[in-house]
Amino acid sequence: MLAIYALPAVIFFGMTIAAVRVSNRNLLLPIESGAWILPGLVYTFVPVVFWKLEISAPPKGLLNLVDPVLVALLCWFVFVGRVTLGIRRPDINRGAAYATIALNMAIALGVLLFMPPLPQ
């Protein structure tokens, strides 16, 4: 699942991070260079924790391979919104960056738990 998340995330986040760096704006915090992978890790390893704790997770099938791409897309939308907010209001850039990281984790967990299984 991590590889299915990582490919679109590298494309989306990589393009955005490169565009921000080329624009010579000092918007991105150093932690954001690697924070794009965290939602994928949450989406991948929460089911492992459920399995270890013997908790039943929502049923997912092979047709749910679109879920990691959805996580990447939604997290990228949040990231683009944060960059836009950082351009318009640089005084809240640091707080917005950390809030974005937390929101992206919540999005990954929400898609994992609340996205219904696709029909087989």
PDB file of N, CA and C in Angstrom:
ATOM      1  N   MET A   1       0.817  -1.200   0.000  1.00  0.00           N
ATOM      2  CA  MET A   1       0.000   0.000   0.000  1.00  0.00           C
ATOM      3  C   MET A   1       0.859   1.261   0.000  1.00  0.00           C
ATOM      4  N   LEU A   2       1.994   1.197   0.665  1.00  0.00           N
ATOM      5  CA  LEU A   2       2.853   2.375   0.728  1.00  0.00           C
ATOM      6  C   LEU A   2       3.358   2.757  -0.662  1.00  0.00           C
ATOM      7  N   ALA A   3       3.678   1.761  -1.476  1.00  0.00           N
ATOM      8  CA  ALA A   3       4.161   2.055  -2.829  1.00  0.00           C
ATOM      9  C   ALA A   3       3.051   2.657  -3.688  1.00  0.00           C
ATOM     10  N   ILE A   4       1.828   2.218  -3.484  1.00  0.00           N
ATOM     11  CA  ILE A   4       0.711   2.756  -4.254  1.00  0.00           C
ATOM     12  C   ILE A   4       0.448   4.204  -3.847  1.00  0.00           C
ATOM     13  N   TYR A   5       0.693   4.531  -2.575  1.00  0.00           N
ATOM     14  CA  TYR A   5       0.565   5.916  -2.113  1.00  0.00           C
ATOM     15  C   TYR A   5       1.748   6.762  -2.586  1.00  0.00           C
ATOM     16  N   ALA A   6       2.942   6.193  -2.537  1.00  0.00           N
ATOM     17  CA  ALA A   6       4.159   6.978  -2.759  1.00  0.00           C
ATOM     18  C   ALA A   6       4.277   7.510  -4.184  1.00  0.00           C
ATOM     19  N   LEU A   7       3.863   6.762  -5.162  1.00  0.00           N
ATOM     20  CA  LEU A   7       4.016   7.214  -6.546  1.00  0.00           C
ATOM     21  C   LEU A   7       3.233   8.500  -6.827  1.00  0.00           C
ATOM     22  N   PRO A   8       1.916   8.544  -6.577  1.00  0.00           N
ATOM     23  CA  PRO A   8       1.233   9.822  -6.823  1.00  0.00           C
ATOM     24  C   PRO A   8       1.673  10.918  -5.849  1.00  0.00           C
ATOM     25  N   ALA A   9       2.024  10.547  -4.620  1.00  0.00           N
ATOM     26  CA  ALA A   9       2.460  11.555  -3.651  1.00  0.00           C
ATOM     27  C   ALA A   9       3.766  12.209  -4.085  1.00  0.00           C
ATOM     28  N   VAL A  10       4.685  11.426  -4.612  1.00  0.00           N
ATOM     29  CA  VAL A  10       5.946  11.992  -5.103  1.00  0.00           C
ATOM     30  C   VAL A  10       5.667  12.962  -6.246  1.00  0.00           C
ATOM     31  N   ILE A  11       4.763  12.601  -7.113  1.00  0.00           N
ATOM     32  CA  ILE A  11       4.441  13.476  -8.243  1.00  0.00           C
ATOM     33  C   ILE A  11       3.773  14.762  -7.747  1.00  0.00           C
ATOM     34  N   PHE A  12       2.716  14.634  -6.955  1.00  0.00           N
ATOM     35  CA  PHE A  12       1.979  15.814  -6.487  1.00  0.00           C
ATOM     36  C   PHE A  12       2.847  16.709  -5.598  1.00  0.00           C
ATOM     37  N   PHE A  13       3.362  16.125  -4.522  1.00  0.00           N
ATOM     38  CA  PHE A  13       4.123  16.918  -3.569  1.00  0.00           C
ATOM     39  C   PHE A  13       5.445  17.389  -4.165  1.00  0.00           C
ATOM     40  N   GLY A  14       6.075  16.550  -4.971  1.00  0.00           N
ATOM     41  CA  GLY A  14       7.347  16.924  -5.575  1.00  0.00           C
ATOM     42  C   GLY A  14       7.207  18.128  -6.490  1.00  0.00           C
ATOM     43  N   MET A  15       6.170  18.136  -7.306  1.00  0.00           N
ATOM     44  CA  MET A  15       5.943  19.288  -8.184  1.00  0.00           C
ATOM     45  C   MET A  15       5.689  20.557  -7.377  1.00  0.00           C
ATOM     46  N   THR A  16       4.894  20.443  -6.334  1.00  0.00           N
ATOM     47  CA  THR A  16       4.556  21.615  -5.531  1.00  0.00           C
ATOM     48  C   THR A  16       5.770  22.123  -4.764  1.00  0.00           C
ATOM     49  N   ILE A  17       6.520  21.217  -4.147  1.00  0.00           N
ATOM     50  CA  ILE A  17       7.715  21.624  -3.402  1.00  0.00           C
ATOM     51  C   ILE A  17       8.739  22.255  -4.344  1.00  0.00           C
ATOM     52  N   ALA A  18       8.900  21.690  -5.527  1.00  0.00           N
ATOM     53  CA  ALA A  18       9.840  22.263  -6.503  1.00  0.00           C
ATOM     54  C   ALA A  18       9.380  23.652  -6.947  1.00  0.00           C
ATOM     55  N   ALA A  19       8.096  23.829  -7.171  1.00  0.00           N
ATOM     56  CA  ALA A  19       7.588  25.137  -7.589  1.00  0.00           C
ATOM     57  C   ALA A  19       7.794  26.187  -6.500  1.00  0.00           C
ATOM     58  N   VAL A  20       7.601  25.801  -5.244  1.00  0.00           N
ATOM     59  CA  VAL A  20       7.800  26.744  -4.145  1.00  0.00           C
ATOM     60  C   VAL A  20       9.282  27.100  -4.014  1.00  0.00           C
ATOM     61  N   ARG A  21      10.144  26.121  -4.164  1.00  0.00           N
ATOM     62  CA  ARG A  21      11.579  26.410  -4.062  1.00  0.00           C
ATOM     63  C   ARG A  21      12.090  27.245  -5.221  1.00  0.00           C
ATOM     64  N   VAL A  22      11.570  27.015  -6.419  1.00  0.00           N
ATOM     65  CA  VAL A  22      11.986  27.802  -7.581  1.00  0.00           C
ATOM     66  C   VAL A  22      11.519  29.247  -7.437  1.00  0.00           C
ATOM     67  N   SER A  23      10.390  29.454  -6.794  1.00  0.00           N
ATOM     68  CA  SER A  23       9.860  30.809  -6.629  1.00  0.00           C
ATOM     69  C   SER A  23      10.646  31.624  -5.603  1.00  0.00           C
ATOM     70  N   ASN A  24      11.633  31.010  -4.964  1.00  0.00           N
ATOM     71  CA  ASN A  24      12.482  31.674  -3.964  1.00  0.00           C
ATOM     72  C   ASN A  24      11.699  32.228  -2.777  1.00  0.00           C
ATOM     73  N   ARG A  25      10.622  31.597  -2.454  1.00  0.00           N
ATOM     74  CA  ARG A  25       9.871  31.964  -1.250  1.00  0.00           C
ATOM     75  C   ARG A  25      10.289  31.016  -0.146  1.00  0.00           C
ATOM     76  N   ASN A  26      10.448  31.543   1.010  1.00  0.00           N
ATOM     77  CA  ASN A  26      10.888  30.750   2.151  1.00  0.00           C
ATOM     78  C   ASN A  26       9.663  30.272   2.930  1.00  0.00           C
ATOM     79  N   LEU A  27       8.833  29.459   2.287  1.00  0.00           N
ATOM     80  CA  LEU A  27       7.575  29.026   2.886  1.00  0.00           C
ATOM     81  C   LEU A  27       7.672  27.683   3.592  1.00  0.00           C
ATOM     82  N   LEU A  28       8.446  26.769   3.062  1.00  0.00           N
ATOM     83  CA  LEU A  28       8.454  25.397   3.562  1.00  0.00           C
ATOM     84  C   LEU A  28       9.401  25.241   4.727  1.00  0.00           C
ATOM     85  N   LEU A  29       8.922  24.552   5.739  1.00  0.00           N
ATOM     86  CA  LEU A  29       9.770  24.210   6.872  1.00  0.00           C
ATOM     87  C   LEU A  29      10.595  22.978   6.508  1.00  0.00           C
ATOM     88  N   PRO A  30      11.736  22.787   7.153  1.00  0.00           N
ATOM     89  CA  PRO A  30      12.548  21.602   6.824  1.00  0.00           C
ATOM     90  C   PRO A  30      11.813  20.275   7.039  1.00  0.00           C
ATOM     91  N   ILE A  31      10.918  20.221   8.001  1.00  0.00           N
ATOM     92  CA  ILE A  31      10.189  18.976   8.268  1.00  0.00           C
ATOM     93  C   ILE A  31       9.250  18.620   7.120  1.00  0.00           C
ATOM     94  N   GLU A  32       8.825  19.613   6.352  1.00  0.00           N
ATOM     95  CA  GLU A  32       7.878  19.348   5.279  1.00  0.00           C
ATOM     96  C   GLU A  32       8.511  18.649   4.079  1.00  0.00           C
ATOM     97  N   SER A  33       9.817  18.618   4.018  1.00  0.00           N
ATOM     98  CA  SER A  33      10.469  17.894   2.921  1.00  0.00           C
ATOM     99  C   SER A  33      10.203  16.402   3.001  1.00  0.00           C
ATOM    100  N   GLY A  34      10.003  15.890   4.202  1.00  0.00           N
ATOM    101  CA  GLY A  34       9.728  14.467   4.368  1.00  0.00           C
ATOM    102  C   GLY A  34       8.363  14.157   4.932  1.00  0.00           C
ATOM    103  N   ALA A  35       7.602  15.184   5.310  1.00  0.00           N
ATOM    104  CA  ALA A  35       6.297  14.949   5.937  1.00  0.00           C
ATOM    105  C   ALA A  35       5.252  14.423   4.965  1.00  0.00           C
ATOM    106  N   TRP A  36       5.495  14.526   3.681  1.00  0.00           N
ATOM    107  CA  TRP A  36       4.516  14.050   2.702  1.00  0.00           C
ATOM    108  C   TRP A  36       4.359  12.528   2.764  1.00  0.00           C
ATOM    109  N   ILE A  37       5.342  11.814   3.273  1.00  0.00           N
ATOM    110  CA  ILE A  37       5.267  10.352   3.341  1.00  0.00           C
ATOM    111  C   ILE A  37       4.473   9.872   4.567  1.00  0.00           C
ATOM    112  N   LEU A  38       4.294  10.712   5.563  1.00  0.00           N
ATOM    113  CA  LEU A  38       3.636  10.300   6.806  1.00  0.00           C
ATOM    114  C   LEU A  38       2.196   9.796   6.615  1.00  0.00           C
ATOM    115  N   PRO A  39       1.348  10.433   5.805  1.00  0.00           N
ATOM    116  CA  PRO A  39       0.004   9.861   5.606  1.00  0.00           C
ATOM    117  C   PRO A  39       0.039   8.461   5.005  1.00  0.00           C
ATOM    118  N   GLY A  40       0.982   8.212   4.122  1.00  0.00           N
ATOM    119  CA  GLY A  40       1.122   6.865   3.565  1.00  0.00           C
ATOM    120  C   GLY A  40       1.533   5.849   4.608  1.00  0.00           C
ATOM    121  N   LEU A  41       2.403   6.262   5.515  1.00  0.00           N
ATOM    122  CA  LEU A  41       2.799   5.362   6.606  1.00  0.00           C
ATOM    123  C   LEU A  41       1.622   5.078   7.529  1.00  0.00           C
ATOM    124  N   VAL A  42       0.825   6.106   7.818  1.00  0.00           N
ATOM    125  CA  VAL A  42      -0.362   5.903   8.654  1.00  0.00           C
ATOM    126  C   VAL A  42      -1.322   4.945   7.957  1.00  0.00           C
ATOM    127  N   TYR A  43      -1.573   5.165   6.675  1.00  0.00           N
ATOM    128  CA  TYR A  43      -2.505   4.316   5.934  1.00  0.00           C
ATOM    129  C   TYR A  43      -2.003   2.881   5.842  1.00  0.00           C
ATOM    130  N   THR A  44      -0.702   2.694   5.803  1.00  0.00           N
ATOM    131  CA  THR A  44      -0.132   1.359   5.662  1.00  0.00           C
ATOM    132  C   THR A  44      -0.055   0.613   6.982  1.00  0.00           C
ATOM    133  N   PHE A  45       0.356   1.295   8.047  1.00  0.00           N
ATOM    134  CA  PHE A  45       0.673   0.580   9.279  1.00  0.00           C
ATOM    135  C   PHE A  45      -0.432   0.557  10.326  1.00  0.00           C
ATOM    136  N   VAL A  46      -1.478   1.347  10.182  1.00  0.00           N
ATOM    137  CA  VAL A  46      -2.604   1.247  11.119  1.00  0.00           C
ATOM    138  C   VAL A  46      -3.295  -0.109  11.015  1.00  0.00           C
ATOM    139  N   PRO A  47      -3.512  -0.676   9.807  1.00  0.00           N
ATOM    140  CA  PRO A  47      -4.073  -2.027   9.769  1.00  0.00           C
ATOM    141  C   PRO A  47      -3.188  -3.075  10.441  1.00  0.00           C
ATOM    142  N   VAL A  48      -1.888  -2.880  10.417  1.00  0.00           N
ATOM    143  CA  VAL A  48      -0.981  -3.804  11.109  1.00  0.00           C
ATOM    144  C   VAL A  48      -1.196  -3.710  12.615  1.00  0.00           C
ATOM    145  N   VAL A  49      -1.378  -2.494  13.114  1.00  0.00           N
ATOM    146  CA  VAL A  49      -1.660  -2.319  14.545  1.00  0.00           C
ATOM    147  C   VAL A  49      -3.000  -2.951  14.894  1.00  0.00           C
ATOM    148  N   PHE A  50      -4.006  -2.767  14.043  1.00  0.00           N
ATOM    149  CA  PHE A  50      -5.303  -3.421  14.272  1.00  0.00           C
ATOM    150  C   PHE A  50      -5.146  -4.929  14.334  1.00  0.00           C
ATOM    151  N   TRP A  51      -4.362  -5.472  13.432  1.00  0.00           N
ATOM    152  CA  TRP A  51      -4.167  -6.919  13.389  1.00  0.00           C
ATOM    153  C   TRP A  51      -3.455  -7.398  14.645  1.00  0.00           C
ATOM    154  N   LYS A  52      -2.441  -6.661  15.106  1.00  0.00           N
ATOM    155  CA  LYS A  52      -1.707  -7.057  16.326  1.00  0.00           C
ATOM    156  C   LYS A  52      -2.594  -6.984  17.561  1.00  0.00           C
ATOM    157  N   LEU A  53      -3.468  -5.982  17.610  1.00  0.00           N
ATOM    158  CA  LEU A  53      -4.360  -5.827  18.763  1.00  0.00           C
ATOM    159  C   LEU A  53      -5.637  -6.641  18.629  1.00  0.00           C
ATOM    160  N   GLU A  54      -5.765  -7.378  17.529  1.00  0.00           N
ATOM    161  CA  GLU A  54      -6.923  -8.216  17.235  1.00  0.00           C
ATOM    162  C   GLU A  54      -8.223  -7.419  17.223  1.00  0.00           C
ATOM    163  N   ILE A  55      -8.155  -6.243  16.615  1.00  0.00           N
ATOM    164  CA  ILE A  55      -9.324  -5.391  16.428  1.00  0.00           C
ATOM    165  C   ILE A  55      -9.759  -5.547  14.980  1.00  0.00           C
ATOM    166  N   SER A  56     -11.047  -5.615  14.770  1.00  0.00           N
ATOM    167  CA  SER A  56     -11.518  -5.775  13.395  1.00  0.00           C
ATOM    168  C   SER A  56     -11.551  -4.413  12.705  1.00  0.00           C
ATOM    169  N   ALA A  57     -10.942  -4.352  11.573  1.00  0.00           N
ATOM    170  CA  ALA A  57     -10.921  -3.139  10.761  1.00  0.00           C
ATOM    171  C   ALA A  57     -11.985  -3.263   9.682  1.00  0.00           C
ATOM    172  N   PRO A  58     -12.351  -2.160   9.054  1.00  0.00           N
ATOM    173  CA  PRO A  58     -13.319  -2.257   7.959  1.00  0.00           C
ATOM    174  C   PRO A  58     -12.785  -3.166   6.855  1.00  0.00           C
ATOM    175  N   PRO A  59     -13.654  -3.947   6.235  1.00  0.00           N
ATOM    176  CA  PRO A  59     -13.184  -4.856   5.185  1.00  0.00           C
ATOM    177  C   PRO A  59     -12.719  -4.071   3.965  1.00  0.00           C
ATOM    178  N   LYS A  60     -11.601  -4.480   3.436  1.00  0.00           N
ATOM    179  CA  LYS A  60     -11.051  -3.867   2.219  1.00  0.00           C
ATOM    180  C   LYS A  60     -10.670  -4.994   1.278  1.00  0.00           C
ATOM    181  N   GLY A  61     -10.859  -4.776   0.016  1.00  0.00           N
ATOM    182  CA  GLY A  61     -10.491  -5.765  -0.978  1.00  0.00           C
ATOM    183  C   GLY A  61      -9.441  -5.212  -1.919  1.00  0.00           C
ATOM    184  N   LEU A  62      -9.109  -6.000  -2.919  1.00  0.00           N
ATOM    185  CA  LEU A  62      -8.107  -5.554  -3.886  1.00  0.00           C
ATOM    186  C   LEU A  62      -8.602  -4.397  -4.736  1.00  0.00           C
ATOM    187  N   LEU A  63      -9.901  -4.246  -4.845  1.00  0.00           N
ATOM    188  CA  LEU A  63     -10.425  -3.119  -5.614  1.00  0.00           C
ATOM    189  C   LEU A  63     -10.241  -1.795  -4.893  1.00  0.00           C
ATOM    190  N   ASN A  64      -9.897  -1.823  -3.620  1.00  0.00           N
ATOM    191  CA  ASN A  64      -9.663  -0.611  -2.864  1.00  0.00           C
ATOM    192  C   ASN A  64      -8.245  -0.072  -3.062  1.00  0.00           C
ATOM    193  N   LEU A  65      -7.618  -0.432  -4.151  1.00  0.00           N
ATOM    194  CA  LEU A  65      -6.298   0.103  -4.442  1.00  0.00           C
ATOM    195  C   LEU A  65      -6.358   1.580  -4.815  1.00  0.00           C
ATOM    196  N   VAL A  66      -7.544   2.112  -4.998  1.00  0.00           N
ATOM    197  CA  VAL A  66      -7.695   3.527  -5.292  1.00  0.00           C
ATOM    198  C   VAL A  66      -7.609   4.363  -4.007  1.00  0.00           C
ATOM    199  N   ASP A  67      -7.777   3.766  -2.855  1.00  0.00           N
ATOM    200  CA  ASP A  67      -7.743   4.483  -1.585  1.00  0.00           C
ATOM    201  C   ASP A  67      -6.411   5.199  -1.339  1.00  0.00           C
ATOM    202  N   PRO A  68      -5.257   4.561  -1.519  1.00  0.00           N
ATOM    203  CA  PRO A  68      -4.004   5.298  -1.298  1.00  0.00           C
ATOM    204  C   PRO A  68      -3.830   6.480  -2.246  1.00  0.00           C
ATOM    205  N   VAL A  69      -4.322   6.360  -3.460  1.00  0.00           N
ATOM    206  CA  VAL A  69      -4.247   7.481  -4.402  1.00  0.00           C
ATOM    207  C   VAL A  69      -5.164   8.608  -3.932  1.00  0.00           C
ATOM    208  N   LEU A  70      -6.319   8.248  -3.397  1.00  0.00           N
ATOM    209  CA  LEU A  70      -7.231   9.237  -2.839  1.00  0.00           C
ATOM    210  C   LEU A  70      -6.593   9.952  -1.655  1.00  0.00           C
ATOM    211  N   VAL A  71      -5.902   9.209  -0.792  1.00  0.00           N
ATOM    212  CA  VAL A  71      -5.195   9.810   0.337  1.00  0.00           C
ATOM    213  C   VAL A  71      -4.152  10.805  -0.171  1.00  0.00           C
ATOM    214  N   ALA A  72      -3.383  10.405  -1.169  1.00  0.00           N
ATOM    215  CA  ALA A  72      -2.355  11.298  -1.715  1.00  0.00           C
ATOM    216  C   ALA A  72      -2.978  12.559  -2.295  1.00  0.00           C
ATOM    217  N   LEU A  73      -4.068  12.417  -3.021  1.00  0.00           N
ATOM    218  CA  LEU A  73      -4.714  13.560  -3.643  1.00  0.00           C
ATOM    219  C   LEU A  73      -5.299  14.513  -2.605  1.00  0.00           C
ATOM    220  N   LEU A  74      -6.005  13.982  -1.623  1.00  0.00           N
ATOM    221  CA  LEU A  74      -6.596  14.833  -0.586  1.00  0.00           C
ATOM    222  C   LEU A  74      -5.521  15.545   0.231  1.00  0.00           C
ATOM    223  N   CYS A  75      -4.459  14.826   0.580  1.00  0.00           N
ATOM    224  CA  CYS A  75      -3.367  15.442   1.341  1.00  0.00           C
ATOM    225  C   CYS A  75      -2.657  16.504   0.520  1.00  0.00           C
ATOM    226  N   TRP A  76      -2.557  16.290  -0.781  1.00  0.00           N
ATOM    227  CA  TRP A  76      -1.943  17.297  -1.637  1.00  0.00           C
ATOM    228  C   TRP A  76      -2.805  18.553  -1.713  1.00  0.00           C
ATOM    229  N   PHE A  77      -4.141  18.385  -1.778  1.00  0.00           N
ATOM    230  CA  PHE A  77      -5.033  19.549  -1.769  1.00  0.00           C
ATOM    231  C   PHE A  77      -4.836  20.372  -0.500  1.00  0.00           C
ATOM    232  N   VAL A  78      -4.714  19.696   0.631  1.00  0.00           N
ATOM    233  CA  VAL A  78      -4.481  20.393   1.896  1.00  0.00           C
ATOM    234  C   VAL A  78      -3.127  21.108   1.860  1.00  0.00           C
ATOM    235  N   PHE A  79      -2.108  20.459   1.311  1.00  0.00           N
ATOM    236  CA  PHE A  79      -0.783  21.054   1.228  1.00  0.00           C
ATOM    237  C   PHE A  79      -0.779  22.286   0.326  1.00  0.00           C
ATOM    238  N   VAL A  80      -1.460  22.215  -0.805  1.00  0.00           N
ATOM    239  CA  VAL A  80      -1.545  23.365  -1.709  1.00  0.00           C
ATOM    240  C   VAL A  80      -2.286  24.512  -1.020  1.00  0.00           C
ATOM    241  N   GLY A  81      -3.313  24.189  -0.275  1.00  0.00           N
ATOM    242  CA  GLY A  81      -4.014  25.224   0.492  1.00  0.00           C
ATOM    243  C   GLY A  81      -3.120  25.863   1.529  1.00  0.00           C
ATOM    244  N   ARG A  82      -2.273  25.070   2.161  1.00  0.00           N
ATOM    245  CA  ARG A  82      -1.350  25.612   3.154  1.00  0.00           C
ATOM    246  C   ARG A  82      -0.308  26.505   2.503  1.00  0.00           C
ATOM    247  N   VAL A  83       0.198  26.113   1.361  1.00  0.00           N
ATOM    248  CA  VAL A  83       1.174  26.944   0.656  1.00  0.00           C
ATOM    249  C   VAL A  83       0.532  28.264   0.240  1.00  0.00           C
ATOM    250  N   THR A  84      -0.691  28.197  -0.251  1.00  0.00           N
ATOM    251  CA  THR A  84      -1.405  29.418  -0.630  1.00  0.00           C
ATOM    252  C   THR A  84      -1.627  30.313   0.581  1.00  0.00           C
ATOM    253  N   LEU A  85      -2.005  29.720   1.700  1.00  0.00           N
ATOM    254  CA  LEU A  85      -2.186  30.489   2.930  1.00  0.00           C
ATOM    255  C   LEU A  85      -0.856  31.084   3.393  1.00  0.00           C
ATOM    256  N   GLY A  86       0.230  30.338   3.235  1.00  0.00           N
ATOM    257  CA  GLY A  86       1.553  30.850   3.611  1.00  0.00           C
ATOM    258  C   GLY A  86       1.994  32.016   2.750  1.00  0.00           C
ATOM    259  N   ILE A  87       1.594  32.025   1.490  1.00  0.00           N
ATOM    260  CA  ILE A  87       1.923  33.146   0.599  1.00  0.00           C
ATOM    261  C   ILE A  87       1.123  34.383   1.010  1.00  0.00           C
ATOM    262  N   ARG A  88      -0.139  34.187   1.301  1.00  0.00           N
ATOM    263  CA  ARG A  88      -0.999  35.328   1.621  1.00  0.00           C
ATOM    264  C   ARG A  88      -0.800  35.844   3.038  1.00  0.00           C
ATOM    265  N   ARG A  89      -0.523  34.936   3.977  1.00  0.00           N
ATOM    266  CA  ARG A  89      -0.354  35.343   5.383  1.00  0.00           C
ATOM    267  C   ARG A  89       0.904  34.695   5.955  1.00  0.00           C
ATOM    268  N   PRO A  90       2.073  35.266   5.682  1.00  0.00           N
ATOM    269  CA  PRO A  90       3.324  34.650   6.139  1.00  0.00           C
ATOM    270  C   PRO A  90       3.474  34.608   7.661  1.00  0.00           C
ATOM    271  N   ASP A  91       2.705  35.398   8.388  1.00  0.00           N
ATOM    272  CA  ASP A  91       2.824  35.414   9.845  1.00  0.00           C
ATOM    273  C   ASP A  91       2.314  34.130  10.495  1.00  0.00           C
ATOM    274  N   ILE A  92       1.436  33.389   9.832  1.00  0.00           N
ATOM    275  CA  ILE A  92       0.925  32.145  10.417  1.00  0.00           C
ATOM    276  C   ILE A  92       1.473  30.910   9.710  1.00  0.00           C
ATOM    277  N   ASN A  93       2.550  31.070   8.973  1.00  0.00           N
ATOM    278  CA  ASN A  93       3.088  29.982   8.157  1.00  0.00           C
ATOM    279  C   ASN A  93       3.509  28.775   8.995  1.00  0.00           C
ATOM    280  N   ARG A  94       4.227  28.985  10.090  1.00  0.00           N
ATOM    281  CA  ARG A  94       4.726  27.865  10.901  1.00  0.00           C
ATOM    282  C   ARG A  94       3.569  27.083  11.517  1.00  0.00           C
ATOM    283  N   GLY A  95       2.623  27.747  12.103  1.00  0.00           N
ATOM    284  CA  GLY A  95       1.472  27.056  12.686  1.00  0.00           C
ATOM    285  C   GLY A  95       0.650  26.318  11.658  1.00  0.00           C
ATOM    286  N   ALA A  96       0.497  26.934  10.503  1.00  0.00           N
ATOM    287  CA  ALA A  96      -0.261  26.288   9.421  1.00  0.00           C
ATOM    288  C   ALA A  96       0.458  25.046   8.916  1.00  0.00           C
ATOM    289  N   ALA A  97       1.786  25.077   8.910  1.00  0.00           N
ATOM    290  CA  ALA A  97       2.545  23.908   8.448  1.00  0.00           C
ATOM    291  C   ALA A  97       2.332  22.714   9.374  1.00  0.00           C
ATOM    292  N   TYR A  98       2.417  22.940  10.672  1.00  0.00           N
ATOM    293  CA  TYR A  98       2.219  21.834  11.611  1.00  0.00           C
ATOM    294  C   TYR A  98       0.773  21.364  11.624  1.00  0.00           C
ATOM    295  N   ALA A  99      -0.165  22.276  11.472  1.00  0.00           N
ATOM    296  CA  ALA A  99      -1.572  21.879  11.408  1.00  0.00           C
ATOM    297  C   ALA A  99      -1.847  21.055  10.155  1.00  0.00           C
ATOM    298  N   THR A 100      -1.178  21.387   9.062  1.00  0.00           N
ATOM    299  CA  THR A 100      -1.342  20.631   7.822  1.00  0.00           C
ATOM    300  C   THR A 100      -0.847  19.201   7.981  1.00  0.00           C
ATOM    301  N   ILE A 101       0.273  19.035   8.655  1.00  0.00           N
ATOM    302  CA  ILE A 101       0.807  17.682   8.880  1.00  0.00           C
ATOM    303  C   ILE A 101      -0.189  16.863   9.697  1.00  0.00           C
ATOM    304  N   ALA A 102      -0.739  17.451  10.740  1.00  0.00           N
ATOM    305  CA  ALA A 102      -1.714  16.737  11.570  1.00  0.00           C
ATOM    306  C   ALA A 102      -2.993  16.437  10.791  1.00  0.00           C
ATOM    307  N   LEU A 103      -3.447  17.381   9.981  1.00  0.00           N
ATOM    308  CA  LEU A 103      -4.650  17.172   9.184  1.00  0.00           C
ATOM    309  C   LEU A 103      -4.438  16.074   8.148  1.00  0.00           C
ATOM    310  N   ASN A 104      -3.252  16.007   7.570  1.00  0.00           N
ATOM    311  CA  ASN A 104      -2.966  14.946   6.604  1.00  0.00           C
ATOM    312  C   ASN A 104      -3.000  13.565   7.258  1.00  0.00           C
ATOM    313  N   MET A 105      -2.528  13.465   8.493  1.00  0.00           N
ATOM    314  CA  MET A 105      -2.618  12.190   9.212  1.00  0.00           C
ATOM    315  C   MET A 105      -4.073  11.816   9.461  1.00  0.00           C
ATOM    316  N   ALA A 106      -4.877  12.811   9.825  1.00  0.00           N
ATOM    317  CA  ALA A 106      -6.299  12.552  10.062  1.00  0.00           C
ATOM    318  C   ALA A 106      -7.006  12.135   8.768  1.00  0.00           C
ATOM    319  N   ILE A 107      -6.620  12.717   7.653  1.00  0.00           N
ATOM    320  CA  ILE A 107      -7.207  12.336   6.362  1.00  0.00           C
ATOM    321  C   ILE A 107      -6.878  10.879   6.051  1.00  0.00           C
ATOM    322  N   ALA A 108      -5.631  10.485   6.253  1.00  0.00           N
ATOM    323  CA  ALA A 108      -5.240   9.098   5.981  1.00  0.00           C
ATOM    324  C   ALA A 108      -6.026   8.128   6.861  1.00  0.00           C
ATOM    325  N   LEU A 109      -6.163   8.457   8.129  1.00  0.00           N
ATOM    326  CA  LEU A 109      -6.913   7.594   9.040  1.00  0.00           C
ATOM    327  C   LEU A 109      -8.397   7.587   8.679  1.00  0.00           C
ATOM    328  N   GLY A 110      -8.926   8.735   8.289  1.00  0.00           N
ATOM    329  CA  GLY A 110     -10.332   8.813   7.907  1.00  0.00           C
ATOM    330  C   GLY A 110     -10.643   7.995   6.665  1.00  0.00           C
ATOM    331  N   VAL A 111      -9.774   8.071   5.669  1.00  0.00           N
ATOM    332  CA  VAL A 111      -9.991   7.267   4.453  1.00  0.00           C
ATOM    333  C   VAL A 111      -9.892   5.788   4.783  1.00  0.00           C
ATOM    334  N   LEU A 112      -8.965   5.430   5.635  1.00  0.00           N
ATOM    335  CA  LEU A 112      -8.802   4.025   6.006  1.00  0.00           C
ATOM    336  C   LEU A 112     -10.030   3.492   6.728  1.00  0.00           C
ATOM    337  N   LEU A 113     -10.557   4.257   7.653  1.00  0.00           N
ATOM    338  CA  LEU A 113     -11.643   3.758   8.488  1.00  0.00           C
ATOM    339  C   LEU A 113     -13.032   3.979   7.899  1.00  0.00           C
ATOM    340  N   PHE A 114     -13.224   5.051   7.142  1.00  0.00           N
ATOM    341  CA  PHE A 114     -14.577   5.406   6.736  1.00  0.00           C
ATOM    342  C   PHE A 114     -14.871   5.265   5.245  1.00  0.00           C
ATOM    343  N   MET A 115     -13.878   4.990   4.450  1.00  0.00           N
ATOM    344  CA  MET A 115     -14.116   4.767   3.012  1.00  0.00           C
ATOM    345  C   MET A 115     -14.742   3.381   2.852  1.00  0.00           C
ATOM    346  N   PRO A 116     -15.929   3.309   2.282  1.00  0.00           N
ATOM    347  CA  PRO A 116     -16.563   1.996   2.166  1.00  0.00           C
ATOM    348  C   PRO A 116     -15.821   1.103   1.177  1.00  0.00           C
ATOM    349  N   PRO A 117     -15.901  -0.205   1.384  1.00  0.00           N
ATOM    350  CA  PRO A 117     -15.250  -1.104   0.431  1.00  0.00           C
ATOM    351  C   PRO A 117     -15.949  -1.032  -0.923  1.00  0.00           C
ATOM    352  N   LEU A 118     -15.167  -1.122  -1.963  1.00  0.00           N
ATOM    353  CA  LEU A 118     -15.734  -1.126  -3.303  1.00  0.00           C
ATOM    354  C   LEU A 118     -16.363  -2.474  -3.601  1.00  0.00           C
ATOM    355  N   PRO A 119     -17.404  -2.511  -4.417  1.00  0.00           N
ATOM    356  CA  PRO A 119     -18.036  -3.804  -4.729  1.00  0.00           C
ATOM    357  C   PRO A 119     -17.070  -4.717  -5.488  1.00  0.00           C
ATOM    358  N   GLN A 120     -17.072  -5.974  -5.100  1.00  0.00           N
ATOM    359  CA  GLN A 120     -16.145  -6.953  -5.683  1.00  0.00           C
ATOM    360  C   GLN A 120     -16.662  -7.478  -6.994  1.00  0.00           C
TER     361      GLN A 120
END
